[in-house]
Amino acid sequence: MAYFLQQLINGLTLGSIYGLIAIGYTMVYGIIGMINFAHGEIYMIGAFVTIISLLVLASAGVTSIPVALVLTLIVTMFFTSAYGWTVERIAYRPLRASHKLAPLISAIGMSIFLQNYVQLLQGARGKPLPPIVTGGFTLMDSGGFSVHLSYLQLFIFLLTVALMAGFSTLIASTPLGRAQRACEQDLGMAALLGVDVDRTISLTFVMGAALAAVAGLMVTLYWGVVDFFIGFLAGVKAFTAAVLGGVGSLPGAMLGGLLIGLIEAFWSGYFSVQYKDVSVFAILVLVLIFRPTGLLGKPEVEKV
């Protein structure tokens, strides 16, 4: 039971990170009906900006961990959001009226470009980071096995819940949220009714990139090492989480992320760790066979 509880904590931690990345996918798809395959690289850039920011703050003499983390979060979200805005302007906006295959290819090209861009700037080797947030709680001790909840895991849980609540409120209760929901239903009609469609789509990319930045900060603190290739696999898994939960649904994206994290953690804990990624995609295939819209997705209604 103790081992099960520990894997549950580990899975929820990992799933929270996947869920934040998946929300970026599902927000963009919900409005313009396209998958931003460069989103994983936006998350990777967030991880690198986190390390650079922490090193700069340490060299500037900032020794308070809470202050350093808050400043790093602000800086990371700002720079990563700028990259998200740039991706929308370069890879999506000029191709918005073209066939859907064109922006898809453009996004894949942008993903490859960002990978190599970071590799040239930062090098191909992994960048390690010493543990910054240490300590935690021992929840139980059974049969010589202790269940630990670290302060960092608790920080990841609380920050994920706060961000999910904040973004849900923003989309449900603000003018920007109403504009996003209008664009999701019908871009043409939203424009006729006075919604600035270009601005709404750009801000959606910025919001998704900001969440990816938070995920990049979390994974950097949690694993302690980043490289230029981490965005690819995390992006694929986050996209899988968005599809699993139902593309276009914010709660579905977070649910899908948590499920992916739990599947990985329990498979790694009880079976061969080499096949944890296979297990994730096998379960996705089963879900799509029996529920093609995902767990919380709704069938698309064709407008005529």
C-alpha atoms as a PDB file:
ATOM      1  CA  MET A   1       0.000   0.000   0.000  1.00  0.00           C
ATOM      2  CA  ALA A   2       2.854   2.381   0.843  1.00  0.00           C
ATOM      3  CA  TYR A   3       4.549   1.719  -2.488  1.00  0.00           C
ATOM      4  CA  PHE A   4       1.254   2.274  -4.318  1.00  0.00           C
ATOM      5  CA  LEU A   5       0.766   5.607  -2.541  1.00  0.00           C
ATOM      6  CA  GLN A   6       4.296   6.735  -3.428  1.00  0.00           C
ATOM      7  CA  GLN A   7       3.762   5.919  -7.106  1.00  0.00           C
ATOM      8  CA  LEU A   8       0.425   7.769  -6.954  1.00  0.00           C
ATOM      9  CA  ILE A   9       2.204  10.911  -5.701  1.00  0.00           C
ATOM     10  CA  ASN A  10       4.910  10.569  -8.360  1.00  0.00           C
ATOM     11  CA  GLY A  11       2.308  10.028 -11.092  1.00  0.00           C
ATOM     12  CA  LEU A  12       0.252  13.062 -10.083  1.00  0.00           C
ATOM     13  CA  THR A  13       3.385  15.211 -10.072  1.00  0.00           C
ATOM     14  CA  LEU A  14       4.369  14.112 -13.565  1.00  0.00           C
ATOM     15  CA  GLY A  15       0.767  14.338 -14.762  1.00  0.00           C
ATOM     16  CA  SER A  16       0.471  17.935 -13.556  1.00  0.00           C
ATOM     17  CA  ILE A  17       3.378  18.896 -15.813  1.00  0.00           C
ATOM     18  CA  TYR A  18       1.902  17.057 -18.806  1.00  0.00           C
ATOM     19  CA  GLY A  19      -1.491  18.625 -18.137  1.00  0.00           C
ATOM     20  CA  LEU A  20      -0.148  22.193 -18.235  1.00  0.00           C
ATOM     21  CA  ILE A  21       1.522  21.527 -21.591  1.00  0.00           C
ATOM     22  CA  ALA A  22      -1.612  19.801 -22.919  1.00  0.00           C
ATOM     23  CA  ILE A  23      -3.770  22.842 -22.130  1.00  0.00           C
ATOM     24  CA  GLY A  24      -1.705  24.833 -24.641  1.00  0.00           C
ATOM     25  CA  TYR A  25      -2.460  22.282 -27.351  1.00  0.00           C
ATOM     26  CA  THR A  26      -6.166  22.158 -26.594  1.00  0.00           C
ATOM     27  CA  MET A  27      -6.611  25.960 -26.379  1.00  0.00           C
ATOM     28  CA  VAL A  28      -5.090  26.506 -29.831  1.00  0.00           C
ATOM     29  CA  TYR A  29      -7.021  23.606 -31.357  1.00  0.00           C
ATOM     30  CA  GLY A  30     -10.264  24.791 -29.784  1.00  0.00           C
ATOM     31  CA  ILE A  31     -10.054  28.175 -31.521  1.00  0.00           C
ATOM     32  CA  ILE A  32      -8.402  27.594 -34.912  1.00  0.00           C
ATOM     33  CA  GLY A  33      -8.748  23.813 -35.224  1.00  0.00           C
ATOM     34  CA  MET A  34      -5.001  23.249 -35.672  1.00  0.00           C
ATOM     35  CA  ILE A  35      -2.409  21.447 -33.579  1.00  0.00           C
ATOM     36  CA  ASN A  36       0.630  23.539 -32.624  1.00  0.00           C
ATOM     37  CA  PHE A  37       3.368  20.929 -32.968  1.00  0.00           C
ATOM     38  CA  ALA A  38       5.975  23.505 -31.937  1.00  0.00           C
ATOM     39  CA  HIS A  39       4.407  23.706 -28.465  1.00  0.00           C
ATOM     40  CA  GLY A  40       6.740  21.075 -27.016  1.00  0.00           C
ATOM     41  CA  GLU A  41       9.713  23.197 -28.035  1.00  0.00           C
ATOM     42  CA  ILE A  42       8.118  26.225 -26.351  1.00  0.00           C
ATOM     43  CA  TYR A  43       8.092  24.161 -23.145  1.00  0.00           C
ATOM     44  CA  MET A  44      11.755  23.244 -23.750  1.00  0.00           C
ATOM     45  CA  ILE A  45      12.660  26.916 -24.142  1.00  0.00           C
ATOM     46  CA  GLY A  46      10.878  27.607 -20.854  1.00  0.00           C
ATOM     47  CA  ALA A  47      13.115  25.032 -19.166  1.00  0.00           C
ATOM     48  CA  PHE A  48      16.270  26.662 -20.563  1.00  0.00           C
ATOM     49  CA  VAL A  49      15.120  30.166 -19.611  1.00  0.00           C
ATOM     50  CA  THR A  50      14.518  28.828 -16.090  1.00  0.00           C
ATOM     51  CA  ILE A  51      18.111  27.608 -15.742  1.00  0.00           C
ATOM     52  CA  ILE A  52      19.549  30.803 -17.219  1.00  0.00           C
ATOM     53  CA  SER A  53      17.398  32.964 -14.936  1.00  0.00           C
ATOM     54  CA  LEU A  54      18.376  31.021 -11.815  1.00  0.00           C
ATOM     55  CA  LEU A  55      22.068  31.268 -12.706  1.00  0.00           C
ATOM     56  CA  VAL A  56      21.808  35.018 -13.351  1.00  0.00           C
ATOM     57  CA  LEU A  57      19.960  35.582 -10.058  1.00  0.00           C
ATOM     58  CA  ALA A  58      22.517  33.484  -8.163  1.00  0.00           C
ATOM     59  CA  SER A  59      25.393  35.485  -9.683  1.00  0.00           C
ATOM     60  CA  ALA A  60      23.542  38.705  -8.738  1.00  0.00           C
ATOM     61  CA  GLY A  61      23.466  37.612  -5.105  1.00  0.00           C
ATOM     62  CA  VAL A  62      19.777  36.677  -4.788  1.00  0.00           C
ATOM     63  CA  THR A  63      19.913  33.952  -2.113  1.00  0.00           C
ATOM     64  CA  SER A  64      16.272  33.816  -1.009  1.00  0.00           C
ATOM     65  CA  ILE A  65      14.762  30.738  -2.685  1.00  0.00           C
ATOM     66  CA  PRO A  66      11.123  32.011  -2.703  1.00  0.00           C
ATOM     67  CA  VAL A  67      12.209  35.355  -4.208  1.00  0.00           C
ATOM     68  CA  ALA A  68      14.399  33.615  -6.788  1.00  0.00           C
ATOM     69  CA  LEU A  69      11.575  31.252  -7.791  1.00  0.00           C
ATOM     70  CA  VAL A  70       9.014  34.062  -8.155  1.00  0.00           C
ATOM     71  CA  LEU A  71      11.382  36.187 -10.237  1.00  0.00           C
ATOM     72  CA  THR A  72      12.347  33.171 -12.341  1.00  0.00           C
ATOM     73  CA  LEU A  73       8.696  32.313 -12.931  1.00  0.00           C
ATOM     74  CA  ILE A  74       7.928  35.868 -14.096  1.00  0.00           C
ATOM     75  CA  VAL A  75      10.970  36.037 -16.395  1.00  0.00           C
ATOM     76  CA  THR A  76      10.353  32.555 -17.819  1.00  0.00           C
ATOM     77  CA  MET A  77       6.689  33.249 -18.543  1.00  0.00           C
ATOM     78  CA  PHE A  78       7.560  36.570 -20.219  1.00  0.00           C
ATOM     79  CA  PHE A  79      10.249  35.237 -22.560  1.00  0.00           C
ATOM     80  CA  THR A  80       8.455  31.982 -23.347  1.00  0.00           C
ATOM     81  CA  SER A  81       5.231  33.849 -24.106  1.00  0.00           C
ATOM     82  CA  ALA A  82       7.194  36.018 -26.538  1.00  0.00           C
ATOM     83  CA  TYR A  83       8.303  32.866 -28.349  1.00  0.00           C
ATOM     84  CA  GLY A  84       4.701  31.612 -28.421  1.00  0.00           C
ATOM     85  CA  TRP A  85       3.528  34.917 -29.917  1.00  0.00           C
ATOM     86  CA  THR A  86       6.298  34.748 -32.527  1.00  0.00           C
ATOM     87  CA  VAL A  87       5.359  31.191 -33.541  1.00  0.00           C
ATOM     88  CA  GLU A  88       1.769  32.308 -34.141  1.00  0.00           C
ATOM     89  CA  ARG A  89       2.835  35.301 -36.231  1.00  0.00           C
ATOM     90  CA  ILE A  90       5.344  33.368 -38.357  1.00  0.00           C
ATOM     91  CA  ALA A  91       4.015  29.819 -38.633  1.00  0.00           C
ATOM     92  CA  TYR A  92       0.241  30.231 -38.368  1.00  0.00           C
ATOM     93  CA  ARG A  93      -1.179  33.657 -39.188  1.00  0.00           C
ATOM     94  CA  PRO A  94       0.091  33.845 -42.814  1.00  0.00           C
ATOM     95  CA  LEU A  95      -1.323  30.356 -43.481  1.00  0.00           C
ATOM     96  CA  ARG A  96      -4.615  30.605 -41.611  1.00  0.00           C
ATOM     97  CA  ALA A  97      -6.736  30.781 -44.773  1.00  0.00           C
ATOM     98  CA  SER A  98      -4.850  28.012 -46.568  1.00  0.00           C
ATOM     99  CA  HIS A  99      -5.410  24.253 -46.505  1.00  0.00           C
ATOM    100  CA  LYS A 100      -4.979  22.800 -43.011  1.00  0.00           C
ATOM    101  CA  LEU A 101      -1.987  20.753 -44.156  1.00  0.00           C
ATOM    102  CA  ALA A 102       0.076  23.909 -44.773  1.00  0.00           C
ATOM    103  CA  PRO A 103       0.143  25.257 -41.163  1.00  0.00           C
ATOM    104  CA  LEU A 104       0.679  21.695 -39.912  1.00  0.00           C
ATOM    105  CA  ILE A 105       3.854  21.384 -41.990  1.00  0.00           C
ATOM    106  CA  SER A 106       4.850  24.910 -40.969  1.00  0.00           C
ATOM    107  CA  ALA A 107       4.466  24.022 -37.273  1.00  0.00           C
ATOM    108  CA  ILE A 108       6.586  20.880 -37.673  1.00  0.00           C
ATOM    109  CA  GLY A 109       9.226  22.992 -39.423  1.00  0.00           C
ATOM    110  CA  MET A 110       9.109  25.519 -36.577  1.00  0.00           C
ATOM    111  CA  SER A 111       9.555  22.680 -34.085  1.00  0.00           C
ATOM    112  CA  ILE A 112      12.696  21.450 -35.866  1.00  0.00           C
ATOM    113  CA  PHE A 113      13.996  25.015 -36.178  1.00  0.00           C
ATOM    114  CA  LEU A 114      13.568  25.719 -32.440  1.00  0.00           C
ATOM    115  CA  GLN A 115      15.304  22.460 -31.503  1.00  0.00           C
ATOM    116  CA  ASN A 116      18.343  23.296 -33.596  1.00  0.00           C
ATOM    117  CA  TYR A 117      18.236  26.959 -32.576  1.00  0.00           C
ATOM    118  CA  VAL A 118      18.537  26.027 -28.893  1.00  0.00           C
ATOM    119  CA  GLN A 119      21.141  23.351 -29.671  1.00  0.00           C
ATOM    120  CA  LEU A 120      23.333  25.934 -31.433  1.00  0.00           C
ATOM    121  CA  LEU A 121      22.908  28.514 -28.664  1.00  0.00           C
ATOM    122  CA  GLN A 122      23.224  26.226 -25.627  1.00  0.00           C
ATOM    123  CA  GLY A 123      25.042  23.157 -26.942  1.00  0.00           C
ATOM    124  CA  ALA A 124      23.901  19.552 -27.277  1.00  0.00           C
ATOM    125  CA  ARG A 125      24.876  18.451 -23.759  1.00  0.00           C
ATOM    126  CA  GLY A 126      22.391  18.352 -20.908  1.00  0.00           C
ATOM    127  CA  LYS A 127      22.401  21.288 -18.512  1.00  0.00           C
ATOM    128  CA  PRO A 128      22.327  20.141 -14.865  1.00  0.00           C
ATOM    129  CA  LEU A 129      20.862  22.162 -12.010  1.00  0.00           C
ATOM    130  CA  PRO A 130      21.610  21.436  -8.320  1.00  0.00           C
ATOM    131  CA  PRO A 131      18.534  20.789  -6.120  1.00  0.00           C
ATOM    132  CA  ILE A 132      16.999  24.094  -5.075  1.00  0.00           C
ATOM    133  CA  VAL A 133      13.815  23.076  -3.249  1.00  0.00           C
ATOM    134  CA  THR A 134      14.645  20.274  -0.806  1.00  0.00           C
ATOM    135  CA  GLY A 135      12.910  18.594   2.116  1.00  0.00           C
ATOM    136  CA  GLY A 136       9.387  17.319   2.557  1.00  0.00           C
ATOM    137  CA  PHE A 137       7.029  15.206   4.607  1.00  0.00           C
ATOM    138  CA  THR A 138       6.953  11.515   5.462  1.00  0.00           C
ATOM    139  CA  LEU A 139       3.293  10.558   5.118  1.00  0.00           C
ATOM    140  CA  MET A 140       3.589   6.980   6.324  1.00  0.00           C
ATOM    141  CA  ASP A 141       6.103   4.237   7.030  1.00  0.00           C
ATOM    142  CA  SER A 142       5.036   0.668   6.330  1.00  0.00           C
ATOM    143  CA  GLY A 143       7.250  -2.409   6.232  1.00  0.00           C
ATOM    144  CA  GLY A 144      10.427  -0.365   6.031  1.00  0.00           C
ATOM    145  CA  PHE A 145       9.139   1.670   3.059  1.00  0.00           C
ATOM    146  CA  SER A 146       8.501   5.365   3.665  1.00  0.00           C
ATOM    147  CA  VAL A 147       6.070   7.442   1.605  1.00  0.00           C
ATOM    148  CA  HIS A 148       7.508  10.896   0.959  1.00  0.00           C
ATOM    149  CA  LEU A 149       5.814  14.046  -0.295  1.00  0.00           C
ATOM    150  CA  SER A 150       8.503  16.595  -1.085  1.00  0.00           C
ATOM    151  CA  TYR A 151       7.990  20.336  -0.786  1.00  0.00           C
ATOM    152  CA  LEU A 152       8.632  20.553  -4.531  1.00  0.00           C
ATOM    153  CA  GLN A 153       5.877  18.046  -5.318  1.00  0.00           C
ATOM    154  CA  LEU A 154       3.501  19.974  -3.059  1.00  0.00           C
ATOM    155  CA  PHE A 155       4.520  23.207  -4.814  1.00  0.00           C
ATOM    156  CA  ILE A 156       3.806  21.621  -8.217  1.00  0.00           C
ATOM    157  CA  PHE A 157       0.353  20.389  -7.071  1.00  0.00           C
ATOM    158  CA  LEU A 158      -0.683  23.734  -5.592  1.00  0.00           C
ATOM    159  CA  LEU A 159       0.621  25.803  -8.512  1.00  0.00           C
ATOM    160  CA  THR A 160      -1.130  23.535 -11.032  1.00  0.00           C
ATOM    161  CA  VAL A 161      -4.443  23.783  -9.171  1.00  0.00           C
ATOM    162  CA  ALA A 162      -4.113  27.567  -8.883  1.00  0.00           C
ATOM    163  CA  LEU A 163      -3.307  27.970 -12.590  1.00  0.00           C
ATOM    164  CA  MET A 164      -6.123  25.659 -13.641  1.00  0.00           C
ATOM    165  CA  ALA A 165      -8.610  27.587 -11.493  1.00  0.00           C
ATOM    166  CA  GLY A 166      -7.296  30.936 -12.721  1.00  0.00           C
ATOM    167  CA  PHE A 167      -7.427  30.062 -16.420  1.00  0.00           C
ATOM    168  CA  SER A 168     -10.854  28.464 -16.098  1.00  0.00           C
ATOM    169  CA  THR A 169     -12.157  31.647 -14.446  1.00  0.00           C
ATOM    170  CA  LEU A 170     -10.487  33.804 -17.088  1.00  0.00           C
ATOM    171  CA  ILE A 171     -12.122  31.883 -19.938  1.00  0.00           C
ATOM    172  CA  ALA A 172     -15.524  31.735 -18.243  1.00  0.00           C
ATOM    173  CA  SER A 173     -15.827  35.255 -16.834  1.00  0.00           C
ATOM    174  CA  THR A 174     -13.706  37.789 -18.723  1.00  0.00           C
ATOM    175  CA  PRO A 175     -14.098  39.636 -22.046  1.00  0.00           C
ATOM    176  CA  LEU A 176     -11.057  37.801 -23.416  1.00  0.00           C
ATOM    177  CA  GLY A 177     -12.601  34.477 -22.424  1.00  0.00           C
ATOM    178  CA  ARG A 178     -15.865  35.388 -24.135  1.00  0.00           C
ATOM    179  CA  ALA A 179     -13.941  36.378 -27.256  1.00  0.00           C
ATOM    180  CA  GLN A 180     -12.096  33.046 -27.189  1.00  0.00           C
ATOM    181  CA  ARG A 181     -15.342  31.104 -26.847  1.00  0.00           C
ATOM    182  CA  ALA A 182     -16.876  33.127 -29.696  1.00  0.00           C
ATOM    183  CA  CYS A 183     -13.882  32.381 -31.944  1.00  0.00           C
ATOM    184  CA  GLU A 184     -14.103  28.719 -30.994  1.00  0.00           C
ATOM    185  CA  GLN A 185     -17.696  28.565 -32.217  1.00  0.00           C
ATOM    186  CA  ASP A 186     -17.285  30.556 -35.437  1.00  0.00           C
ATOM    187  CA  LEU A 187     -14.314  32.734 -36.398  1.00  0.00           C
ATOM    188  CA  GLY A 188     -16.171  34.507 -39.204  1.00  0.00           C
ATOM    189  CA  MET A 189     -19.214  35.403 -37.141  1.00  0.00           C
ATOM    190  CA  ALA A 190     -17.032  36.486 -34.204  1.00  0.00           C
ATOM    191  CA  ALA A 191     -15.205  38.910 -36.526  1.00  0.00           C
ATOM    192  CA  LEU A 192     -18.527  40.280 -37.833  1.00  0.00           C
ATOM    193  CA  LEU A 193     -19.644  40.921 -34.256  1.00  0.00           C
ATOM    194  CA  GLY A 194     -16.585  43.035 -33.495  1.00  0.00           C
ATOM    195  CA  VAL A 195     -14.208  40.495 -31.954  1.00  0.00           C
ATOM    196  CA  ASP A 196     -10.571  41.155 -32.820  1.00  0.00           C
ATOM    197  CA  VAL A 197      -9.858  37.634 -34.066  1.00  0.00           C
ATOM    198  CA  ASP A 198      -6.126  38.151 -34.702  1.00  0.00           C
ATOM    199  CA  ARG A 199      -5.585  39.568 -31.224  1.00  0.00           C
ATOM    200  CA  THR A 200      -7.632  36.789 -29.590  1.00  0.00           C
ATOM    201  CA  ILE A 201      -5.689  34.045 -31.360  1.00  0.00           C
ATOM    202  CA  SER A 202      -2.345  35.680 -30.527  1.00  0.00           C
ATOM    203  CA  LEU A 203      -3.287  35.963 -26.855  1.00  0.00           C
ATOM    204  CA  THR A 204      -4.355  32.314 -26.866  1.00  0.00           C
ATOM    205  CA  PHE A 205      -0.892  31.312 -28.106  1.00  0.00           C
ATOM    206  CA  VAL A 206       0.640  33.569 -25.435  1.00  0.00           C
ATOM    207  CA  MET A 207      -1.464  31.970 -22.685  1.00  0.00           C
ATOM    208  CA  GLY A 208      -0.576  28.471 -23.831  1.00  0.00           C
ATOM    209  CA  ALA A 209       3.118  29.401 -23.951  1.00  0.00           C
ATOM    210  CA  ALA A 210       2.909  30.861 -20.426  1.00  0.00           C
ATOM    211  CA  LEU A 211       1.542  27.558 -19.116  1.00  0.00           C
ATOM    212  CA  ALA A 212       4.284  25.688 -20.989  1.00  0.00           C
ATOM    213  CA  ALA A 213       6.798  28.018 -19.297  1.00  0.00           C
ATOM    214  CA  VAL A 214       5.467  27.024 -15.887  1.00  0.00           C
ATOM    215  CA  ALA A 215       5.750  23.360 -16.893  1.00  0.00           C
ATOM    216  CA  GLY A 216       9.339  24.018 -18.024  1.00  0.00           C
ATOM    217  CA  LEU A 217      10.179  25.547 -14.655  1.00  0.00           C
ATOM    218  CA  MET A 218       8.570  22.614 -12.835  1.00  0.00           C
ATOM    219  CA  VAL A 219      10.409  19.944 -14.811  1.00  0.00           C
ATOM    220  CA  THR A 220      13.726  21.762 -14.406  1.00  0.00           C
ATOM    221  CA  LEU A 221      13.351  21.902 -10.636  1.00  0.00           C
ATOM    222  CA  TYR A 222      11.991  18.346 -10.465  1.00  0.00           C
ATOM    223  CA  TRP A 223      14.488  16.480 -12.669  1.00  0.00           C
ATOM    224  CA  GLY A 224      17.429  18.867 -12.373  1.00  0.00           C
ATOM    225  CA  VAL A 225      18.631  18.524 -15.975  1.00  0.00           C
ATOM    226  CA  VAL A 226      17.430  19.776 -19.358  1.00  0.00           C
ATOM    227  CA  ASP A 227      18.590  19.426 -22.955  1.00  0.00           C
ATOM    228  CA  PHE A 228      17.445  20.654 -26.356  1.00  0.00           C
ATOM    229  CA  PHE A 229      15.475  17.461 -27.089  1.00  0.00           C
ATOM    230  CA  ILE A 230      13.208  17.288 -24.023  1.00  0.00           C
ATOM    231  CA  GLY A 231      10.429  19.156 -25.818  1.00  0.00           C
ATOM    232  CA  PHE A 232       9.847  16.441 -28.407  1.00  0.00           C
ATOM    233  CA  LEU A 233       8.825  13.543 -26.158  1.00  0.00           C
ATOM    234  CA  ALA A 234       7.060  15.762 -23.618  1.00  0.00           C
ATOM    235  CA  GLY A 235       5.194  17.460 -26.473  1.00  0.00           C
ATOM    236  CA  VAL A 236       4.084  14.142 -27.943  1.00  0.00           C
ATOM    237  CA  LYS A 237       2.879  12.953 -24.532  1.00  0.00           C
ATOM    238  CA  ALA A 238       1.089  16.231 -23.834  1.00  0.00           C
ATOM    239  CA  PHE A 239      -0.587  16.026 -27.243  1.00  0.00           C
ATOM    240  CA  THR A 240      -1.580  12.457 -26.350  1.00  0.00           C
ATOM    241  CA  ALA A 241      -2.982  13.763 -23.064  1.00  0.00           C
ATOM    242  CA  ALA A 242      -5.019  16.406 -24.917  1.00  0.00           C
ATOM    243  CA  VAL A 243      -6.436  13.759 -27.267  1.00  0.00           C
ATOM    244  CA  LEU A 244      -7.070  11.344 -24.402  1.00  0.00           C
ATOM    245  CA  GLY A 245      -8.992  13.938 -22.401  1.00  0.00           C
ATOM    246  CA  GLY A 246     -10.767  15.379 -25.455  1.00  0.00           C
ATOM    247  CA  VAL A 247      -9.140  17.982 -27.691  1.00  0.00           C
ATOM    248  CA  GLY A 248     -10.763  21.350 -27.065  1.00  0.00           C
ATOM    249  CA  SER A 249     -11.619  20.685 -23.410  1.00  0.00           C
ATOM    250  CA  LEU A 250      -9.457  22.340 -20.738  1.00  0.00           C
ATOM    251  CA  PRO A 251     -10.567  19.971 -17.949  1.00  0.00           C
ATOM    252  CA  GLY A 252     -10.066  17.120 -20.414  1.00  0.00           C
ATOM    253  CA  ALA A 253      -6.483  18.219 -21.114  1.00  0.00           C
ATOM    254  CA  MET A 254      -5.658  18.291 -17.410  1.00  0.00           C
ATOM    255  CA  LEU A 255      -7.402  14.958 -16.837  1.00  0.00           C
ATOM    256  CA  GLY A 256      -5.524  13.433 -19.758  1.00  0.00           C
ATOM    257  CA  GLY A 257      -2.231  14.758 -18.407  1.00  0.00           C
ATOM    258  CA  LEU A 258      -2.883  13.289 -14.967  1.00  0.00           C
ATOM    259  CA  LEU A 259      -3.832   9.937 -16.488  1.00  0.00           C
ATOM    260  CA  ILE A 260      -0.680   9.856 -18.637  1.00  0.00           C
ATOM    261  CA  GLY A 261       1.442  10.640 -15.579  1.00  0.00           C
ATOM    262  CA  LEU A 262      -0.267   7.957 -13.500  1.00  0.00           C
ATOM    263  CA  ILE A 263       0.055   5.350 -16.256  1.00  0.00           C
ATOM    264  CA  GLU A 264       3.773   6.066 -16.574  1.00  0.00           C
ATOM    265  CA  ALA A 265       4.380   6.004 -12.827  1.00  0.00           C
ATOM    266  CA  PHE A 266       2.481   2.770 -12.134  1.00  0.00           C
ATOM    267  CA  TRP A 267       3.854   0.993 -15.193  1.00  0.00           C
ATOM    268  CA  SER A 268       7.400   1.987 -14.213  1.00  0.00           C
ATOM    269  CA  GLY A 269       6.741   0.868 -10.643  1.00  0.00           C
ATOM    270  CA  TYR A 270       5.180  -2.522 -11.335  1.00  0.00           C
ATOM    271  CA  PHE A 271       6.373  -3.506 -14.829  1.00  0.00           C
ATOM    272  CA  SER A 272       9.356  -2.909 -17.110  1.00  0.00           C
ATOM    273  CA  VAL A 273      10.292   0.767 -17.234  1.00  0.00           C
ATOM    274  CA  GLN A 274      11.447   0.392 -20.867  1.00  0.00           C
ATOM    275  CA  TYR A 275       7.846  -0.039 -22.009  1.00  0.00           C
ATOM    276  CA  LYS A 276       6.219   2.816 -20.087  1.00  0.00           C
ATOM    277  CA  ASP A 277       5.857   4.931 -23.241  1.00  0.00           C
ATOM    278  CA  VAL A 278       4.383   1.966 -25.128  1.00  0.00           C
ATOM    279  CA  SER A 279       1.781   1.537 -22.382  1.00  0.00           C
ATOM    280  CA  VAL A 280       0.723   5.178 -22.681  1.00  0.00           C
ATOM    281  CA  PHE A 281       0.105   5.000 -26.421  1.00  0.00           C
ATOM    282  CA  ALA A 282      -1.532   1.561 -26.186  1.00  0.00           C
ATOM    283  CA  ILE A 283      -4.114   2.919 -23.746  1.00  0.00           C
ATOM    284  CA  LEU A 284      -4.638   5.969 -25.997  1.00  0.00           C
ATOM    285  CA  VAL A 285      -5.390   3.659 -28.928  1.00  0.00           C
ATOM    286  CA  LEU A 286      -7.936   1.742 -26.839  1.00  0.00           C
ATOM    287  CA  VAL A 287      -9.644   4.957 -25.716  1.00  0.00           C
ATOM    288  CA  LEU A 288      -9.845   6.280 -29.283  1.00  0.00           C
ATOM    289  CA  ILE A 289     -11.278   2.995 -30.522  1.00  0.00           C
ATOM    290  CA  PHE A 290     -14.117   3.014 -28.000  1.00  0.00           C
ATOM    291  CA  ARG A 291     -14.461   6.799 -27.502  1.00  0.00           C
ATOM    292  CA  PRO A 292     -13.007   8.718 -30.476  1.00  0.00           C
ATOM    293  CA  THR A 293     -13.736  12.152 -28.962  1.00  0.00           C
ATOM    294  CA  GLY A 294     -11.709  11.414 -25.823  1.00  0.00           C
ATOM    295  CA  LEU A 295     -12.925  11.153 -22.251  1.00  0.00           C
ATOM    296  CA  LEU A 296     -14.454  14.650 -21.947  1.00  0.00           C
ATOM    297  CA  GLY A 297     -14.583  15.710 -25.610  1.00  0.00           C
ATOM    298  CA  LYS A 298     -17.766  16.422 -27.509  1.00  0.00           C
ATOM    299  CA  PRO A 299     -18.544  15.323 -31.080  1.00  0.00           C
ATOM    300  CA  GLU A 300     -17.969  18.060 -33.639  1.00  0.00           C
ATOM    301  CA  VAL A 301     -21.139  19.511 -35.127  1.00  0.00           C
ATOM    302  CA  GLU A 302     -20.643  20.452 -38.750  1.00  0.00           C
ATOM    303  CA  LYS A 303     -21.911  23.975 -39.475  1.00  0.00           C
ATOM    304  CA  VAL A 304     -24.000  24.302 -42.625  1.00  0.00           C
END
